[in-house]
Amino acid sequence: MKVAYFASARVVGIVPPSVFVPAPRVDSALVELVRHAEPPVAVPSPDRLFALVRAGFGQRRKMLRGALRAELGDGVIATLTAAGIDPSARAETLTLDDWARLAREVG
């Protein structure tokens, strides 16, 4: 989400394992980042946005209502619902706009 907040990204090439020593078992990618002049979403605090994202992704494959409980407290379900986000969703399914709505909801 940080990349999406600060820049647009696109894969511009694939690097085969054979060019590395020792050769990894995966291909690598060259990624072009083009910085945004202004962030594509408005949030009261980018730091708060990134804290929510870190908490959401902090526990792999956990539903947001559980992953964000430490960050949002007992009102986590009400806060997610007020932001238009399904409390049973997982962090990887949210878009930057979704995270921004949540950040605006919590202030």
PDB file of N, CA and C in Angstrom:
ATOM      1  N   MET A   1       0.814  -1.190   0.000  1.00  0.00           N
ATOM      2  CA  MET A   1       0.000   0.000   0.000  1.00  0.00           C
ATOM      3  C   MET A   1       0.861   1.258   0.000  1.00  0.00           C
ATOM      4  N   LYS A   2       2.046   1.185   0.607  1.00  0.00           N
ATOM      5  CA  LYS A   2       2.901   2.366   0.606  1.00  0.00           C
ATOM      6  C   LYS A   2       3.307   2.740  -0.804  1.00  0.00           C
ATOM      7  N   VAL A   3       3.626   1.744  -1.617  1.00  0.00           N
ATOM      8  CA  VAL A   3       3.998   2.034  -3.008  1.00  0.00           C
ATOM      9  C   VAL A   3       2.826   2.695  -3.713  1.00  0.00           C
ATOM     10  N   ALA A   4       1.626   2.152  -3.555  1.00  0.00           N
ATOM     11  CA  ALA A   4       0.448   2.721  -4.216  1.00  0.00           C
ATOM     12  C   ALA A   4       0.157   4.133  -3.734  1.00  0.00           C
ATOM     13  N   TYR A   5       0.477   4.431  -2.476  1.00  0.00           N
ATOM     14  CA  TYR A   5       0.248   5.759  -1.932  1.00  0.00           C
ATOM     15  C   TYR A   5       1.224   6.778  -2.529  1.00  0.00           C
ATOM     16  N   PHE A   6       2.469   6.379  -2.687  1.00  0.00           N
ATOM     17  CA  PHE A   6       3.495   7.312  -3.139  1.00  0.00           C
ATOM     18  C   PHE A   6       3.779   7.276  -4.638  1.00  0.00           C
ATOM     19  N   ALA A   7       3.462   6.170  -5.322  1.00  0.00           N
ATOM     20  CA  ALA A   7       3.861   6.038  -6.726  1.00  0.00           C
ATOM     21  C   ALA A   7       2.978   5.029  -7.443  1.00  0.00           C
ATOM     22  N   SER A   8       3.074   5.042  -8.761  1.00  0.00           N
ATOM     23  CA  SER A   8       2.474   3.965  -9.542  1.00  0.00           C
ATOM     24  C   SER A   8       3.618   3.042  -9.942  1.00  0.00           C
ATOM     25  N   ALA A   9       3.322   1.758  -9.991  1.00  0.00           N
ATOM     26  CA  ALA A   9       4.357   0.763 -10.268  1.00  0.00           C
ATOM     27  C   ALA A   9       3.930  -0.117 -11.423  1.00  0.00           C
ATOM     28  N   ARG A  10       4.931  -0.530 -12.208  1.00  0.00           N
ATOM     29  CA  ARG A  10       4.642  -1.495 -13.263  1.00  0.00           C
ATOM     30  C   ARG A  10       5.895  -2.324 -13.523  1.00  0.00           C
ATOM     31  N   VAL A  11       5.686  -3.573 -13.852  1.00  0.00           N
ATOM     32  CA  VAL A  11       6.793  -4.470 -14.177  1.00  0.00           C
ATOM     33  C   VAL A  11       7.262  -4.124 -15.589  1.00  0.00           C
ATOM     34  N   VAL A  12       8.556  -3.862 -15.728  1.00  0.00           N
ATOM     35  CA  VAL A  12       9.098  -3.501 -17.041  1.00  0.00           C
ATOM     36  C   VAL A  12       9.998  -4.588 -17.616  1.00  0.00           C
ATOM     37  N   GLY A  13      10.269  -5.617 -16.839  1.00  0.00           N
ATOM     38  CA  GLY A  13      11.081  -6.705 -17.359  1.00  0.00           C
ATOM     39  C   GLY A  13      11.218  -7.825 -16.350  1.00  0.00           C
ATOM     40  N   ILE A  14      11.581  -8.983 -16.881  1.00  0.00           N
ATOM     41  CA  ILE A  14      11.819 -10.162 -16.050  1.00  0.00           C
ATOM     42  C   ILE A  14      13.289 -10.536 -16.198  1.00  0.00           C
ATOM     43  N   VAL A  15      13.923 -10.844 -15.072  1.00  0.00           N
ATOM     44  CA  VAL A  15      15.334 -11.237 -15.060  1.00  0.00           C
ATOM     45  C   VAL A  15      15.386 -12.724 -14.717  1.00  0.00           C
ATOM     46  N   PRO A  16      15.967 -13.543 -15.600  1.00  0.00           N
ATOM     47  CA  PRO A  16      16.003 -14.982 -15.336  1.00  0.00           C
ATOM     48  C   PRO A  16      17.002 -15.332 -14.232  1.00  0.00           C
ATOM     49  N   PRO A  17      16.799 -16.459 -13.579  1.00  0.00           N
ATOM     50  CA  PRO A  17      17.706 -16.887 -12.513  1.00  0.00           C
ATOM     51  C   PRO A  17      19.147 -17.071 -12.985  1.00  0.00           C
ATOM     52  N   SER A  18      19.341 -17.352 -14.263  1.00  0.00           N
ATOM     53  CA  SER A  18      20.679 -17.663 -14.787  1.00  0.00           C
ATOM     54  C   SER A  18      21.660 -16.499 -14.707  1.00  0.00           C
ATOM     55  N   VAL A  19      21.180 -15.283 -14.489  1.00  0.00           N
ATOM     56  CA  VAL A  19      22.111 -14.142 -14.435  1.00  0.00           C
ATOM     57  C   VAL A  19      22.661 -13.909 -13.031  1.00  0.00           C
ATOM     58  N   PHE A  20      22.219 -14.691 -12.062  1.00  0.00           N
ATOM     59  CA  PHE A  20      22.687 -14.565 -10.684  1.00  0.00           C
ATOM     60  C   PHE A  20      23.572 -15.751 -10.317  1.00  0.00           C
ATOM     61  N   VAL A  21      24.506 -15.501  -9.413  1.00  0.00           N
ATOM     62  CA  VAL A  21      25.357 -16.570  -8.884  1.00  0.00           C
ATOM     63  C   VAL A  21      25.283 -16.505  -7.368  1.00  0.00           C
ATOM     64  N   PRO A  22      24.821 -17.503  -6.711  1.00  0.00           N
ATOM     65  CA  PRO A  22      24.177 -18.701  -7.250  1.00  0.00           C
ATOM     66  C   PRO A  22      22.787 -18.372  -7.789  1.00  0.00           C
ATOM     67  N   ALA A  23      22.323 -19.166  -8.710  1.00  0.00           N
ATOM     68  CA  ALA A  23      21.030 -18.929  -9.354  1.00  0.00           C
ATOM     69  C   ALA A  23      19.896 -19.237  -8.374  1.00  0.00           C
ATOM     70  N   PRO A  24      18.984 -18.279  -8.153  1.00  0.00           N
ATOM     71  CA  PRO A  24      17.818 -18.570  -7.302  1.00  0.00           C
ATOM     72  C   PRO A  24      16.837 -19.470  -8.050  1.00  0.00           C
ATOM     73  N   ARG A  25      15.843 -19.944  -7.368  1.00  0.00           N
ATOM     74  CA  ARG A  25      14.834 -20.808  -7.993  1.00  0.00           C
ATOM     75  C   ARG A  25      13.623 -20.017  -8.482  1.00  0.00           C
ATOM     76  N   VAL A  26      13.771 -18.711  -8.595  1.00  0.00           N
ATOM     77  CA  VAL A  26      12.666 -17.853  -9.030  1.00  0.00           C
ATOM     78  C   VAL A  26      13.173 -16.834 -10.039  1.00  0.00           C
ATOM     79  N   ASP A  27      12.272 -16.310 -10.827  1.00  0.00           N
ATOM     80  CA  ASP A  27      12.595 -15.179 -11.695  1.00  0.00           C
ATOM     81  C   ASP A  27      12.532 -13.910 -10.862  1.00  0.00           C
ATOM     82  N   SER A  28      13.252 -12.895 -11.282  1.00  0.00           N
ATOM     83  CA  SER A  28      13.192 -11.587 -10.636  1.00  0.00           C
ATOM     84  C   SER A  28      12.519 -10.620 -11.595  1.00  0.00           C
ATOM     85  N   ALA A  29      12.049  -9.509 -11.074  1.00  0.00           N
ATOM     86  CA  ALA A  29      11.364  -8.529 -11.909  1.00  0.00           C
ATOM     87  C   ALA A  29      12.007  -7.159 -11.741  1.00  0.00           C
ATOM     88  N   LEU A  30      12.039  -6.424 -12.831  1.00  0.00           N
ATOM     89  CA  LEU A  30      12.425  -5.015 -12.794  1.00  0.00           C
ATOM     90  C   LEU A  30      11.136  -4.210 -12.728  1.00  0.00           C
ATOM     91  N   VAL A  31      11.053  -3.321 -11.747  1.00  0.00           N
ATOM     92  CA  VAL A  31       9.831  -2.559 -11.521  1.00  0.00           C
ATOM     93  C   VAL A  31      10.134  -1.079 -11.680  1.00  0.00           C
ATOM     94  N   GLU A  32       9.301  -0.402 -12.450  1.00  0.00           N
ATOM     95  CA  GLU A  32       9.412   1.050 -12.600  1.00  0.00           C
ATOM     96  C   GLU A  32       8.437   1.706 -11.629  1.00  0.00           C
ATOM     97  N   LEU A  33       8.940   2.663 -10.856  1.00  0.00           N
ATOM     98  CA  LEU A  33       8.104   3.436  -9.946  1.00  0.00           C
ATOM     99  C   LEU A  33       8.067   4.876 -10.441  1.00  0.00           C
ATOM    100  N   VAL A  34       6.874   5.403 -10.599  1.00  0.00           N
ATOM    101  CA  VAL A  34       6.702   6.800 -10.988  1.00  0.00           C
ATOM    102  C   VAL A  34       5.982   7.485  -9.832  1.00  0.00           C
ATOM    103  N   ARG A  35       6.696   8.397  -9.185  1.00  0.00           N
ATOM    104  CA  ARG A  35       6.165   9.056  -7.992  1.00  0.00           C
ATOM    105  C   ARG A  35       4.977   9.953  -8.350  1.00  0.00           C
ATOM    106  N   HIS A  36       3.936   9.888  -7.503  1.00  0.00           N
ATOM    107  CA  HIS A  36       2.777  10.775  -7.670  1.00  0.00           C
ATOM    108  C   HIS A  36       3.157  12.180  -7.216  1.00  0.00           C
ATOM    109  N   ALA A  37       2.669  13.198  -7.914  1.00  0.00           N
ATOM    110  CA  ALA A  37       2.870  14.580  -7.473  1.00  0.00           C
ATOM    111  C   ALA A  37       2.132  14.795  -6.148  1.00  0.00           C
ATOM    112  N   GLU A  38       0.955  14.234  -6.044  1.00  0.00           N
ATOM    113  CA  GLU A  38       0.135  14.273  -4.834  1.00  0.00           C
ATOM    114  C   GLU A  38      -0.363  12.858  -4.577  1.00  0.00           C
ATOM    115  N   PRO A  39      -0.519  12.459  -3.325  1.00  0.00           N
ATOM    116  CA  PRO A  39      -1.074  11.131  -3.058  1.00  0.00           C
ATOM    117  C   PRO A  39      -2.456  10.993  -3.701  1.00  0.00           C
ATOM    118  N   PRO A  40      -2.787   9.797  -4.194  1.00  0.00           N
ATOM    119  CA  PRO A  40      -4.072   9.618  -4.883  1.00  0.00           C
ATOM    120  C   PRO A  40      -5.276   9.584  -3.942  1.00  0.00           C
ATOM    121  N   VAL A  41      -5.040   9.514  -2.630  1.00  0.00           N
ATOM    122  CA  VAL A  41      -6.134   9.524  -1.653  1.00  0.00           C
ATOM    123  C   VAL A  41      -5.815  10.542  -0.569  1.00  0.00           C
ATOM    124  N   ALA A  42      -6.868  11.135  -0.034  1.00  0.00           N
ATOM    125  CA  ALA A  42      -6.692  12.095   1.063  1.00  0.00           C
ATOM    126  C   ALA A  42      -6.944  11.382   2.388  1.00  0.00           C
ATOM    127  N   VAL A  43      -6.007  11.533   3.310  1.00  0.00           N
ATOM    128  CA  VAL A  43      -6.148  10.967   4.654  1.00  0.00           C
ATOM    129  C   VAL A  43      -5.694  12.015   5.661  1.00  0.00           C
ATOM    130  N   PRO A  44      -6.274  12.002   6.869  1.00  0.00           N
ATOM    131  CA  PRO A  44      -5.862  12.975   7.881  1.00  0.00           C
ATOM    132  C   PRO A  44      -4.392  12.832   8.269  1.00  0.00           C
ATOM    133  N   SER A  45      -3.908  11.573   8.298  1.00  0.00           N
ATOM    134  CA  SER A  45      -2.532  11.320   8.705  1.00  0.00           C
ATOM    135  C   SER A  45      -1.986  10.101   7.957  1.00  0.00           C
ATOM    136  N   PRO A  46      -1.005  10.302   7.074  1.00  0.00           N
ATOM    137  CA  PRO A  46      -0.398   9.146   6.409  1.00  0.00           C
ATOM    138  C   PRO A  46       0.190   8.149   7.414  1.00  0.00           C
ATOM    139  N   ASP A  47       0.740   8.653   8.523  1.00  0.00           N
ATOM    140  CA  ASP A  47       1.292   7.753   9.532  1.00  0.00           C
ATOM    141  C   ASP A  47       0.212   6.834  10.096  1.00  0.00           C
ATOM    142  N   ARG A  48      -0.971   7.372  10.341  1.00  0.00           N
ATOM    143  CA  ARG A  48      -2.085   6.561  10.851  1.00  0.00           C
ATOM    144  C   ARG A  48      -2.522   5.539   9.807  1.00  0.00           C
ATOM    145  N   LEU A  49      -2.581   5.950   8.543  1.00  0.00           N
ATOM    146  CA  LEU A  49      -2.919   5.043   7.449  1.00  0.00           C
ATOM    147  C   LEU A  49      -1.957   3.858   7.438  1.00  0.00           C
ATOM    148  N   PHE A  50      -0.654   4.144   7.500  1.00  0.00           N
ATOM    149  CA  PHE A  50       0.346   3.081   7.425  1.00  0.00           C
ATOM    150  C   PHE A  50       0.336   2.207   8.673  1.00  0.00           C
ATOM    151  N   ALA A  51      -0.025   2.764   9.822  1.00  0.00           N
ATOM    152  CA  ALA A  51      -0.149   1.956  11.041  1.00  0.00           C
ATOM    153  C   ALA A  51      -1.298   0.956  10.892  1.00  0.00           C
ATOM    154  N   LEU A  52      -2.399   1.397  10.299  1.00  0.00           N
ATOM    155  CA  LEU A  52      -3.530   0.502  10.063  1.00  0.00           C
ATOM    156  C   LEU A  52      -3.147  -0.605   9.079  1.00  0.00           C
ATOM    157  N   VAL A  53      -2.463  -0.227   8.017  1.00  0.00           N
ATOM    158  CA  VAL A  53      -2.034  -1.213   7.013  1.00  0.00           C
ATOM    159  C   VAL A  53      -1.084  -2.240   7.642  1.00  0.00           C
ATOM    160  N   ARG A  54      -0.111  -1.760   8.428  1.00  0.00           N
ATOM    161  CA  ARG A  54       0.822  -2.681   9.108  1.00  0.00           C
ATOM    162  C   ARG A  54       0.066  -3.650  10.008  1.00  0.00           C
ATOM    163  N   ALA A  55      -0.890  -3.125  10.770  1.00  0.00           N
ATOM    164  CA  ALA A  55      -1.664  -3.986  11.665  1.00  0.00           C
ATOM    165  C   ALA A  55      -2.496  -4.985  10.855  1.00  0.00           C
ATOM    166  N   GLY A  56      -3.085  -4.515   9.778  1.00  0.00           N
ATOM    167  CA  GLY A  56      -3.912  -5.394   8.948  1.00  0.00           C
ATOM    168  C   GLY A  56      -3.126  -6.537   8.327  1.00  0.00           C
ATOM    169  N   PHE A  57      -1.910  -6.253   7.898  1.00  0.00           N
ATOM    170  CA  PHE A  57      -1.076  -7.275   7.272  1.00  0.00           C
ATOM    171  C   PHE A  57      -0.178  -7.992   8.275  1.00  0.00           C
ATOM    172  N   GLY A  58      -0.204  -7.572   9.523  1.00  0.00           N
ATOM    173  CA  GLY A  58       0.703  -8.118  10.529  1.00  0.00           C
ATOM    174  C   GLY A  58       0.483  -9.577  10.861  1.00  0.00           C
ATOM    175  N   GLN A  59      -0.731 -10.042  10.691  1.00  0.00           N
ATOM    176  CA  GLN A  59      -1.035 -11.442  10.980  1.00  0.00           C
ATOM    177  C   GLN A  59      -1.600 -12.071   9.723  1.00  0.00           C
ATOM    178  N   ARG A  60      -0.809 -12.890   9.115  1.00  0.00           N
ATOM    179  CA  ARG A  60      -1.120 -13.483   7.816  1.00  0.00           C
ATOM    180  C   ARG A  60      -2.488 -14.174   7.805  1.00  0.00           C
ATOM    181  N   ARG A  61      -3.256 -13.843   6.773  1.00  0.00           N
ATOM    182  CA  ARG A  61      -4.543 -14.471   6.478  1.00  0.00           C
ATOM    183  C   ARG A  61      -5.584 -14.334   7.591  1.00  0.00           C
ATOM    184  N   LYS A  62      -5.446 -13.328   8.423  1.00  0.00           N
ATOM    185  CA  LYS A  62      -6.412 -13.122   9.495  1.00  0.00           C
ATOM    186  C   LYS A  62      -7.470 -12.121   9.015  1.00  0.00           C
ATOM    187  N   MET A  63      -8.695 -12.312   9.451  1.00  0.00           N
ATOM    188  CA  MET A  63      -9.749 -11.361   9.110  1.00  0.00           C
ATOM    189  C   MET A  63      -9.449 -10.025   9.769  1.00  0.00           C
ATOM    190  N   LEU A  64      -9.883  -8.950   9.116  1.00  0.00           N
ATOM    191  CA  LEU A  64      -9.580  -7.607   9.621  1.00  0.00           C
ATOM    192  C   LEU A  64     -10.114  -7.377  11.025  1.00  0.00           C
ATOM    193  N   ARG A  65     -11.270  -7.935  11.345  1.00  0.00           N
ATOM    194  CA  ARG A  65     -11.826  -7.707  12.688  1.00  0.00           C
ATOM    195  C   ARG A  65     -10.885  -8.223  13.770  1.00  0.00           C
ATOM    196  N   GLY A  66     -10.115  -9.241  13.482  1.00  0.00           N
ATOM    197  CA  GLY A  66      -9.139  -9.757  14.437  1.00  0.00           C
ATOM    198  C   GLY A  66      -7.798  -9.057  14.318  1.00  0.00           C
ATOM    199  N   ALA A  67      -7.375  -8.827  13.076  1.00  0.00           N
ATOM    200  CA  ALA A  67      -6.061  -8.221  12.853  1.00  0.00           C
ATOM    201  C   ALA A  67      -5.994  -6.782  13.356  1.00  0.00           C
ATOM    202  N   LEU A  68      -7.111  -6.074  13.313  1.00  0.00           N
ATOM    203  CA  LEU A  68      -7.121  -4.655  13.704  1.00  0.00           C
ATOM    204  C   LEU A  68      -7.638  -4.416  15.121  1.00  0.00           C
ATOM    205  N   ARG A  69      -7.976  -5.476  15.835  1.00  0.00           N
ATOM    206  CA  ARG A  69      -8.530  -5.299  17.184  1.00  0.00           C
ATOM    207  C   ARG A  69      -7.569  -4.548  18.102  1.00  0.00           C
ATOM    208  N   ALA A  70      -6.290  -4.867  18.048  1.00  0.00           N
ATOM    209  CA  ALA A  70      -5.317  -4.178  18.908  1.00  0.00           C
ATOM    210  C   ALA A  70      -5.221  -2.696  18.543  1.00  0.00           C
ATOM    211  N   GLU A  71      -5.389  -2.386  17.274  1.00  0.00           N
ATOM    212  CA  GLU A  71      -5.277  -1.005  16.803  1.00  0.00           C
ATOM    213  C   GLU A  71      -6.560  -0.211  17.048  1.00  0.00           C
ATOM    214  N   LEU A  72      -7.716  -0.864  16.908  1.00  0.00           N
ATOM    215  CA  LEU A  72      -9.002  -0.159  16.964  1.00  0.00           C
ATOM    216  C   LEU A  72      -9.837  -0.477  18.198  1.00  0.00           C
ATOM    217  N   GLY A  73      -9.434  -1.446  18.991  1.00  0.00           N
ATOM    218  CA  GLY A  73     -10.150  -1.769  20.217  1.00  0.00           C
ATOM    219  C   GLY A  73     -11.426  -2.546  19.979  1.00  0.00           C
ATOM    220  N   ASP A  74     -12.287  -2.523  20.985  1.00  0.00           N
ATOM    221  CA  ASP A  74     -13.530  -3.301  20.939  1.00  0.00           C
ATOM    222  C   ASP A  74     -14.505  -2.803  19.876  1.00  0.00           C
ATOM    223  N   GLY A  75     -14.343  -1.585  19.413  1.00  0.00           N
ATOM    224  CA  GLY A  75     -15.224  -1.037  18.388  1.00  0.00           C
ATOM    225  C   GLY A  75     -14.776  -1.353  16.975  1.00  0.00           C
ATOM    226  N   VAL A  76     -13.907  -2.329  16.809  1.00  0.00           N
ATOM    227  CA  VAL A  76     -13.337  -2.630  15.499  1.00  0.00           C
ATOM    228  C   VAL A  76     -14.408  -2.953  14.456  1.00  0.00           C
ATOM    229  N   ILE A  77     -15.393  -3.749  14.817  1.00  0.00           N
ATOM    230  CA  ILE A  77     -16.426  -4.125  13.843  1.00  0.00           C
ATOM    231  C   ILE A  77     -17.245  -2.911  13.444  1.00  0.00           C
ATOM    232  N   ALA A  78     -17.634  -2.093  14.400  1.00  0.00           N
ATOM    233  CA  ALA A  78     -18.413  -0.888  14.099  1.00  0.00           C
ATOM    234  C   ALA A  78     -17.607   0.078  13.236  1.00  0.00           C
ATOM    235  N   THR A  79     -16.308   0.209  13.517  1.00  0.00           N
ATOM    236  CA  THR A  79     -15.460   1.121  12.749  1.00  0.00           C
ATOM    237  C   THR A  79     -15.308   0.638  11.318  1.00  0.00           C
ATOM    238  N   LEU A  80     -15.052  -0.655  11.144  1.00  0.00           N
ATOM    239  CA  LEU A  80     -14.921  -1.208   9.792  1.00  0.00           C
ATOM    240  C   LEU A  80     -16.224  -1.047   9.017  1.00  0.00           C
ATOM    241  N   THR A  81     -17.334  -1.342   9.664  1.00  0.00           N
ATOM    242  CA  THR A  81     -18.639  -1.221   9.015  1.00  0.00           C
ATOM    243  C   THR A  81     -18.922   0.229   8.633  1.00  0.00           C
ATOM    244  N   ALA A  82     -18.607   1.165   9.513  1.00  0.00           N
ATOM    245  CA  ALA A  82     -18.818   2.587   9.218  1.00  0.00           C
ATOM    246  C   ALA A  82     -17.971   3.045   8.032  1.00  0.00           C
ATOM    247  N   ALA A  83     -16.818   2.404   7.851  1.00  0.00           N
ATOM    248  CA  ALA A  83     -15.949   2.744   6.713  1.00  0.00           C
ATOM    249  C   ALA A  83     -16.354   2.008   5.442  1.00  0.00           C
ATOM    250  N   GLY A  84     -17.410   1.190   5.538  1.00  0.00           N
ATOM    251  CA  GLY A  84     -17.870   0.452   4.363  1.00  0.00           C
ATOM    252  C   GLY A  84     -17.028  -0.770   4.048  1.00  0.00           C
ATOM    253  N   ILE A  85     -16.386  -1.332   5.074  1.00  0.00           N
ATOM    254  CA  ILE A  85     -15.510  -2.485   4.888  1.00  0.00           C
ATOM    255  C   ILE A  85     -16.089  -3.671   5.647  1.00  0.00           C
ATOM    256  N   ASP A  86     -16.146  -4.803   4.989  1.00  0.00           N
ATOM    257  CA  ASP A  86     -16.632  -6.031   5.605  1.00  0.00           C
ATOM    258  C   ASP A  86     -15.642  -6.474   6.682  1.00  0.00           C
ATOM    259  N   PRO A  87     -16.067  -6.596   7.946  1.00  0.00           N
ATOM    260  CA  PRO A  87     -15.161  -7.000   9.022  1.00  0.00           C
ATOM    261  C   PRO A  87     -14.519  -8.371   8.812  1.00  0.00           C
ATOM    262  N   SER A  88     -15.129  -9.217   7.979  1.00  0.00           N
ATOM    263  CA  SER A  88     -14.551 -10.535   7.722  1.00  0.00           C
ATOM    264  C   SER A  88     -13.595 -10.516   6.525  1.00  0.00           C
ATOM    265  N   ALA A  89     -13.391  -9.356   5.918  1.00  0.00           N
ATOM    266  CA  ALA A  89     -12.440  -9.246   4.801  1.00  0.00           C
ATOM    267  C   ALA A  89     -11.024  -9.422   5.329  1.00  0.00           C
ATOM    268  N   ARG A  90     -10.130  -9.727   4.432  1.00  0.00           N
ATOM    269  CA  ARG A  90      -8.709  -9.857   4.780  1.00  0.00           C
ATOM    270  C   ARG A  90      -7.958  -8.672   4.183  1.00  0.00           C
ATOM    271  N   ALA A  91      -6.855  -8.305   4.799  1.00  0.00           N
ATOM    272  CA  ALA A  91      -6.111  -7.105   4.415  1.00  0.00           C
ATOM    273  C   ALA A  91      -5.765  -7.084   2.928  1.00  0.00           C
ATOM    274  N   GLU A  92      -5.399  -8.228   2.376  1.00  0.00           N
ATOM    275  CA  GLU A  92      -4.963  -8.261   0.973  1.00  0.00           C
ATOM    276  C   GLU A  92      -6.080  -7.999  -0.019  1.00  0.00           C
ATOM    277  N   THR A  93      -7.344  -8.019   0.444  1.00  0.00           N
ATOM    278  CA  THR A  93      -8.457  -7.759  -0.467  1.00  0.00           C
ATOM    279  C   THR A  93      -8.824  -6.281  -0.541  1.00  0.00           C
ATOM    280  N   LEU A  94      -8.283  -5.454   0.356  1.00  0.00           N
ATOM    281  CA  LEU A  94      -8.623  -4.032   0.374  1.00  0.00           C
ATOM    282  C   LEU A  94      -7.789  -3.245  -0.638  1.00  0.00           C
ATOM    283  N   THR A  95      -8.411  -2.240  -1.209  1.00  0.00           N
ATOM    284  CA  THR A  95      -7.722  -1.330  -2.112  1.00  0.00           C
ATOM    285  C   THR A  95      -7.169  -0.152  -1.312  1.00  0.00           C
ATOM    286  N   LEU A  96      -6.376   0.663  -1.952  1.00  0.00           N
ATOM    287  CA  LEU A  96      -5.880   1.877  -1.301  1.00  0.00           C
ATOM    288  C   LEU A  96      -7.049   2.764  -0.883  1.00  0.00           C
ATOM    289  N   ASP A  97      -8.079   2.851  -1.700  1.00  0.00           N
ATOM    290  CA  ASP A  97      -9.262   3.650  -1.347  1.00  0.00           C
ATOM    291  C   ASP A  97      -9.939   3.112  -0.081  1.00  0.00           C
ATOM    292  N   ASP A  98     -10.012   1.783   0.052  1.00  0.00           N
ATOM    293  CA  ASP A  98     -10.601   1.183   1.248  1.00  0.00           C
ATOM    294  C   ASP A  98      -9.799   1.566   2.494  1.00  0.00           C
ATOM    295  N   TRP A  99      -8.475   1.420   2.416  1.00  0.00           N
ATOM    296  CA  TRP A  99      -7.618   1.771   3.554  1.00  0.00           C
ATOM    297  C   TRP A  99      -7.758   3.258   3.888  1.00  0.00           C
ATOM    298  N   ALA A 100      -7.862   4.096   2.867  1.00  0.00           N
ATOM    299  CA  ALA A 100      -8.015   5.537   3.100  1.00  0.00           C
ATOM    300  C   ALA A 100      -9.332   5.844   3.801  1.00  0.00           C
ATOM    301  N   ARG A 101     -10.426   5.162   3.392  1.00  0.00           N
ATOM    302  CA  ARG A 101     -11.721   5.351   4.061  1.00  0.00           C
ATOM    303  C   ARG A 101     -11.618   4.967   5.533  1.00  0.00           C
ATOM    304  N   LEU A 102     -10.933   3.867   5.798  1.00  0.00           N
ATOM    305  CA  LEU A 102     -10.763   3.429   7.176  1.00  0.00           C
ATOM    306  C   LEU A 102      -9.941   4.441   7.961  1.00  0.00           C
ATOM    307  N   ALA A 103      -8.871   4.942   7.371  1.00  0.00           N
ATOM    308  CA  ALA A 103      -8.031   5.951   8.047  1.00  0.00           C
ATOM    309  C   ALA A 103      -8.824   7.221   8.339  1.00  0.00           C
ATOM    310  N   ARG A 104      -9.686   7.619   7.402  1.00  0.00           N
ATOM    311  CA  ARG A 104     -10.523   8.810   7.632  1.00  0.00           C
ATOM    312  C   ARG A 104     -11.537   8.545   8.738  1.00  0.00           C
ATOM    313  N   GLU A 105     -12.041   7.329   8.797  1.00  0.00           N
ATOM    314  CA  GLU A 105     -13.033   6.969   9.826  1.00  0.00           C
ATOM    315  C   GLU A 105     -12.432   7.038  11.223  1.00  0.00           C
ATOM    316  N   VAL A 106     -11.198   6.576  11.377  1.00  0.00           N
ATOM    317  CA  VAL A 106     -10.576   6.564  12.697  1.00  0.00           C
ATOM    318  C   VAL A 106      -9.856   7.868  13.007  1.00  0.00           C
ATOM    319  N   GLY A 107      -9.667   8.691  11.971  1.00  0.00           N
ATOM    320  CA  GLY A 107      -9.055   9.997  12.184  1.00  0.00           C
ATOM    321  C   GLY A 107      -7.613   9.897  12.361  1.00  0.00           C
TER     322      GLY A 107
END
